[in-house]
């Protein structure tokens, strides 16, 4: 834990301070906010108060007292895994952030206290499930349990049901209605850019697998409209057109749609 000058007054200021102090300033606050429901704030409240008591007395003396609201901020770290199925693994480390008024001392300073607290939690997001969110077809997965805050789903090749916070899922679905997967991953800064090629490539494979054999895009000679439509779903319209225009000189006439798209994605990965 460390004391930092200033005084945070709300959760937005708490998230901004955590990102700055943890060296994750390239991550957007919106990306961190997505995991607020994954932090057990109730369970961390008493341990957090004990930490504040200890740190305040250590710095300001045994008689010092404090006032302030404790914020518990998630700091997510992404990792791509290919087995048992392609997925994103989020390791979420809770951080304590509190704006303090120090009492019973000669001066009554206001200061922030910040640092990691508790154990990191893991949240798994299979890319098959992510694609279902994009396609608005979560009903294709069987719900096996609900407890008021979380829902558990049967996912193929998973030994245990996939358990996700309802608020996380609702916020993620809303995010992906407003932005492409590319833009969403960019919100996680360097970490998001690092997993982008694997995520986009896996989602592309899932899309090709879902179509019927009769109209399978990768069995056809590539068509610009088909390639652009798939790229837009991954990157958004402006970025997709820019990437396709950049790759056009390298796309051969006898390529399939899948080969053309993979070349575009490969070139986009070199950019990042």
Protein backbone atom coordinates (compact mmCIF):
# COMPACT_ATOMS: atom_id res chain seq x y z
CA UNK A 1 0.00 0.00 0.00
CA UNK A 2 1.14 3.54 -0.64
CA UNK A 3 -0.10 7.02 0.15
CA UNK A 4 -0.66 9.33 -2.80
CA UNK A 5 -1.42 13.03 -2.66
CA UNK A 6 -4.94 14.17 -3.49
CA UNK A 7 -8.42 13.02 -2.50
CA UNK A 8 -10.61 10.72 -4.58
CA UNK A 9 -14.33 11.36 -4.15
CA UNK A 10 -16.04 8.82 -6.41
CA UNK A 11 -15.56 5.51 -8.20
CA UNK A 12 -14.45 7.13 -11.48
CA UNK A 13 -11.62 8.93 -9.70
CA UNK A 14 -10.75 5.69 -7.87
CA UNK A 15 -10.48 3.75 -11.15
CA UNK A 16 -8.40 6.49 -12.78
CA UNK A 17 -6.01 6.55 -9.81
CA UNK A 18 -5.59 2.76 -9.79
CA UNK A 19 -4.84 2.64 -13.52
CA UNK A 20 -2.26 5.41 -13.15
CA UNK A 21 -0.54 4.02 -10.06
CA UNK A 22 -0.49 0.46 -11.41
CA UNK A 23 1.20 1.59 -14.64
CA UNK A 24 -1.83 0.70 -16.74
CA UNK A 25 -2.62 4.17 -18.01
CA UNK A 26 -3.09 2.79 -21.52
CA UNK A 27 -6.23 0.95 -20.36
CA UNK A 28 -9.53 2.80 -20.57
CA UNK A 29 -11.67 3.28 -17.48
CA UNK A 30 -14.54 1.69 -19.39
CA UNK A 31 -12.51 -1.52 -19.76
CA UNK A 32 -11.84 -1.67 -16.02
CA UNK A 33 -15.45 -0.78 -15.15
CA UNK A 34 -16.60 -3.91 -16.98
CA UNK A 35 -15.26 -6.01 -14.09
CA UNK A 36 -16.60 -4.03 -11.13
CA UNK A 37 -19.24 -6.71 -10.51
CA UNK A 38 -16.48 -9.35 -10.38
CA UNK A 39 -14.99 -7.85 -7.21
CA UNK A 40 -16.39 -9.02 -3.87
CA UNK A 41 -16.59 -5.54 -2.32
CA UNK A 42 -18.65 -6.79 0.65
CA UNK A 43 -16.14 -9.50 1.49
CA UNK A 44 -13.21 -7.07 1.16
CA UNK A 45 -14.75 -4.29 3.30
CA UNK A 46 -13.56 -5.47 6.74
CA UNK A 47 -10.07 -6.54 5.57
CA UNK A 48 -9.84 -3.20 3.76
CA UNK A 49 -10.69 -1.23 6.91
CA UNK A 50 -8.05 -3.16 8.85
CA UNK A 51 -5.45 -2.37 6.19
CA UNK A 52 -6.34 1.34 6.31
CA UNK A 53 -6.14 1.36 10.15
CA UNK A 54 -2.69 -0.24 10.04
CA UNK A 55 -1.31 2.03 7.33
CA UNK A 56 -2.71 5.24 8.84
CA UNK A 57 -1.28 4.50 12.30
CA UNK A 58 2.04 3.46 10.82
CA UNK A 59 2.37 6.76 8.96
CA UNK A 60 0.61 9.24 11.29
CA UNK A 61 0.97 7.69 14.73
CA UNK A 62 -0.98 5.43 17.09
CA UNK A 63 -3.61 8.06 17.89
CA UNK A 64 -4.45 8.89 14.31
CA UNK A 65 -7.96 8.16 13.08
CA UNK A 66 -9.42 8.40 9.59
CA UNK A 67 -12.57 8.96 7.62
CA UNK A 68 -13.19 7.96 4.05
CA UNK A 69 -15.02 5.64 1.68
CA UNK A 70 -13.30 2.50 0.47
CA UNK A 71 -13.43 1.68 -3.24
CA UNK A 72 -12.48 -1.74 -4.58
CA UNK A 73 -11.31 -1.45 -8.17
CA UNK A 74 -10.68 -4.40 -10.53
CA UNK A 75 -7.46 -4.46 -12.52
CA UNK A 76 -7.86 -7.06 -15.31
CA UNK A 77 -5.07 -8.82 -17.20
CA UNK A 78 -5.98 -10.68 -20.41
CA UNK A 79 -4.50 -13.92 -21.69
CA UNK A 80 -5.48 -15.97 -24.72
CA UNK A 81 -5.63 -19.76 -24.36
CA UNK A 82 -6.33 -22.28 -27.11
CA UNK A 83 -7.26 -25.33 -24.98
CA UNK A 84 -9.66 -26.89 -24.15
CA UNK A 85 -11.30 -24.37 -26.50
CA UNK A 86 -10.17 -20.91 -27.63
CA UNK A 87 -10.89 -18.50 -24.78
CA UNK A 88 -9.93 -15.30 -23.04
CA UNK A 89 -8.74 -15.66 -19.46
CA UNK A 90 -9.11 -12.52 -17.33
CA UNK A 91 -7.07 -12.40 -14.13
CA UNK A 92 -8.70 -9.72 -11.98
CA UNK A 93 -6.67 -8.25 -9.13
CA UNK A 94 -8.72 -6.10 -6.71
CA UNK A 95 -7.18 -2.80 -5.66
CA UNK A 96 -8.12 -0.78 -2.59
CA UNK A 97 -8.43 2.95 -3.25
CA UNK A 98 -9.62 5.34 -0.56
CA UNK A 99 -9.61 9.10 -0.11
CA UNK A 100 -8.74 9.75 3.54
CA UNK A 101 -9.26 12.59 5.98
CA UNK A 102 -6.70 11.99 8.76
CA UNK A 103 -7.94 12.97 12.25
CA UNK A 104 -6.37 13.41 15.71
CA UNK A 105 -3.09 14.75 14.37
CA UNK A 106 -1.56 18.24 14.42
CA UNK A 107 -2.50 18.71 10.80
CA UNK A 108 -5.57 17.10 9.26
CA UNK A 109 -4.37 16.16 5.79
CA UNK A 110 -6.40 14.64 3.01
CA UNK A 111 -4.59 11.88 1.16
CA UNK A 112 -5.25 8.76 -0.92
CA UNK A 113 -4.24 5.23 0.02
CA UNK A 114 -3.96 2.68 -2.78
CA UNK A 115 -2.71 -0.85 -3.33
CA UNK A 116 -3.65 -4.43 -4.22
CA UNK A 117 -5.81 -6.32 -1.73
CA UNK A 118 -7.09 -9.88 -1.58
CA UNK A 119 -6.55 -12.66 -4.06
CA UNK A 120 -6.81 -12.28 -7.81
CA UNK A 121 -9.91 -13.90 -9.33
CA UNK A 122 -10.17 -15.52 -12.74
CA UNK A 123 -12.97 -15.03 -15.26
CA UNK A 124 -13.16 -17.20 -18.37
CA UNK A 125 -14.80 -16.11 -21.62
CA UNK A 126 -14.85 -18.82 -24.31
CA UNK A 127 -14.66 -17.27 -27.76
CA UNK A 128 -17.56 -19.46 -28.87
CA UNK A 129 -19.59 -17.70 -26.17
CA UNK A 130 -18.25 -14.29 -27.26
CA UNK A 131 -19.31 -15.04 -30.84
CA UNK A 132 -22.79 -15.97 -29.57
CA UNK A 133 -22.98 -12.54 -27.89
CA UNK A 134 -22.04 -10.91 -31.19
CA UNK A 135 -24.69 -12.98 -33.00
CA UNK A 136 -27.34 -12.41 -30.30
CA UNK A 137 -27.82 -16.15 -29.86
CA UNK A 138 -26.92 -16.89 -26.24
CA UNK A 139 -30.06 -19.00 -26.10
CA UNK A 140 -28.09 -21.69 -27.95
CA UNK A 141 -26.30 -22.40 -24.62
CA UNK A 142 -28.20 -24.22 -21.88
CA UNK A 143 -28.60 -22.34 -18.58
CA UNK A 144 -28.01 -24.72 -15.67
CA UNK A 145 -28.13 -22.37 -12.66
CA UNK A 146 -28.96 -18.83 -11.53
CA UNK A 147 -28.40 -17.30 -8.10
CA UNK A 148 -29.51 -13.67 -8.53
CA UNK A 149 -26.08 -12.27 -9.39
CA UNK A 150 -24.51 -14.99 -11.58
CA UNK A 151 -25.68 -17.35 -14.32
CA UNK A 152 -24.09 -20.71 -15.17
CA UNK A 153 -24.09 -22.11 -18.70
CA UNK A 154 -23.23 -25.44 -20.28
CA UNK A 155 -20.44 -24.87 -22.81
CA UNK A 156 -19.19 -27.68 -25.08
CA UNK A 157 -15.85 -29.22 -24.00
CA UNK A 158 -16.00 -27.57 -20.55
CA UNK A 159 -15.97 -29.98 -17.61
CA UNK A 160 -17.84 -27.54 -15.38
CA UNK A 161 -20.54 -24.96 -16.19
CA UNK A 162 -19.34 -21.51 -17.21
CA UNK A 163 -20.32 -19.10 -14.39
CA UNK A 164 -20.43 -15.38 -15.24
CA UNK A 165 -21.65 -12.31 -13.33
CA UNK A 166 -24.96 -11.11 -14.80
CA UNK A 167 -23.83 -7.48 -14.68
CA UNK A 168 -20.59 -8.31 -16.52
CA UNK A 169 -22.48 -10.12 -19.25
CA UNK A 170 -25.03 -7.32 -19.65
CA UNK A 171 -22.31 -4.65 -19.83
CA UNK A 172 -20.21 -6.70 -22.27
CA UNK A 173 -23.23 -7.25 -24.54
CA UNK A 174 -23.95 -3.52 -24.50
CA UNK A 175 -20.31 -2.69 -25.27
CA UNK A 176 -20.27 -5.03 -28.27
CA UNK A 177 -23.43 -3.50 -29.68
CA UNK A 178 -21.64 -0.13 -29.80
CA UNK A 179 -18.17 -1.14 -30.91
CA UNK A 180 -16.25 -3.82 -32.78
CA UNK A 181 -14.21 -6.56 -31.10
CA UNK A 182 -11.12 -4.69 -32.33
CA UNK A 183 -12.17 -1.47 -30.56
CA UNK A 184 -13.18 -3.36 -27.41
CA UNK A 185 -9.77 -5.03 -27.15
CA UNK A 186 -8.01 -1.71 -27.79
CA UNK A 187 -9.60 -0.50 -24.55
CA UNK A 188 -7.22 -2.84 -22.68
CA UNK A 189 -4.18 -1.08 -24.10
CA UNK A 190 -1.03 -3.05 -24.91
CA UNK A 191 -2.48 -6.11 -23.23
CA UNK A 192 -5.52 -6.08 -25.53
CA UNK A 193 -3.43 -5.46 -28.64
CA UNK A 194 -1.24 -8.41 -27.71
CA UNK A 195 -4.09 -10.95 -27.80
CA UNK A 196 -5.93 -9.35 -30.73
CA UNK A 197 -4.52 -11.51 -33.57
CA UNK A 198 -5.42 -14.78 -31.79
CA UNK A 199 -8.87 -13.57 -30.76
CA UNK A 200 -9.80 -12.21 -34.19
CA UNK A 201 -8.42 -15.32 -35.91
CA UNK A 202 -10.38 -17.64 -33.61
CA UNK A 203 -13.62 -15.71 -34.08
CA UNK A 204 -13.07 -15.85 -37.82
CA UNK A 205 -12.72 -19.64 -37.64
CA UNK A 206 -15.92 -19.90 -35.60
CA UNK A 207 -17.82 -17.81 -38.14
CA UNK A 208 -16.68 -20.00 -41.02
CA UNK A 209 -17.59 -23.14 -39.13
CA UNK A 210 -21.12 -21.90 -38.47
CA UNK A 211 -22.14 -21.40 -42.07
CA UNK A 212 -23.53 -24.28 -44.10
CA UNK A 213 -21.27 -26.26 -46.40
CA UNK A 214 -23.24 -25.10 -49.43
CA UNK A 215 -22.41 -21.47 -48.82
CA UNK A 216 -19.12 -21.91 -47.03
CA UNK A 217 -17.10 -18.73 -47.75
CA UNK A 218 -13.71 -20.45 -47.64
CA UNK A 219 -14.79 -22.76 -50.51
CA UNK A 220 -15.33 -19.81 -52.82
CA UNK A 221 -12.91 -17.58 -54.70
CA UNK A 222 -12.66 -14.42 -52.63
CA UNK A 223 -15.10 -11.59 -53.18
CA UNK A 224 -14.39 -8.12 -51.87
CA UNK A 225 -17.90 -7.68 -50.43
CA UNK A 226 -17.69 -10.96 -48.50
CA UNK A 227 -14.26 -10.18 -47.10
CA UNK A 228 -15.25 -6.64 -46.14
CA UNK A 229 -18.43 -7.85 -44.39
CA UNK A 230 -16.42 -10.21 -42.18
CA UNK A 231 -13.76 -7.60 -41.45
CA UNK A 232 -16.38 -5.04 -40.42
CA UNK A 233 -17.69 -7.43 -37.77
CA UNK A 234 -14.19 -7.71 -36.34
CA UNK A 235 -12.80 -4.20 -36.73
CA UNK A 236 -15.65 -1.78 -37.44
CA UNK A 237 -16.38 -0.14 -40.79
CA UNK A 238 -13.64 2.50 -40.97
CA UNK A 239 -10.81 0.25 -39.80
CA UNK A 240 -12.02 -2.65 -41.96
CA UNK A 241 -12.00 -0.59 -45.14
CA UNK A 242 -8.56 0.80 -44.35
CA UNK A 243 -7.12 -2.67 -43.73
CA UNK A 244 -8.68 -4.10 -46.89
CA UNK A 245 -7.38 -1.22 -49.04
CA UNK A 246 -3.91 -1.75 -47.60
CA UNK A 247 -4.00 -5.49 -48.39
CA UNK A 248 -5.59 -5.30 -51.87
CA UNK A 249 -2.26 -5.27 -53.78
CA UNK A 250 -1.30 -8.56 -52.08
CA UNK A 251 -4.60 -10.44 -52.56
CA UNK A 252 -4.38 -12.93 -55.42
CA UNK A 253 -7.36 -13.64 -57.68
CA UNK A 254 -7.41 -17.38 -56.86
CA UNK A 255 -7.46 -16.92 -53.06
CA UNK A 256 -10.47 -18.07 -51.05
CA UNK A 257 -12.35 -15.71 -48.76
CA UNK A 258 -10.70 -17.30 -45.74
CA UNK A 259 -7.21 -16.96 -47.18
CA UNK A 260 -7.85 -13.32 -48.08
CA UNK A 261 -9.20 -12.49 -44.63
CA UNK A 262 -6.32 -14.23 -42.88
CA UNK A 263 -3.82 -12.24 -44.94
CA UNK A 264 -5.56 -8.99 -44.04
CA UNK A 265 -5.52 -9.95 -40.34
CA UNK A 266 -1.85 -10.96 -40.57
CA UNK A 267 -0.97 -7.57 -42.02
CA UNK A 268 -3.05 -5.84 -39.33
CA UNK A 269 -1.14 -7.77 -36.67
CA UNK A 270 2.18 -6.52 -38.05
CA UNK A 271 0.88 -2.97 -37.64
CA UNK A 272 0.36 -3.54 -33.92
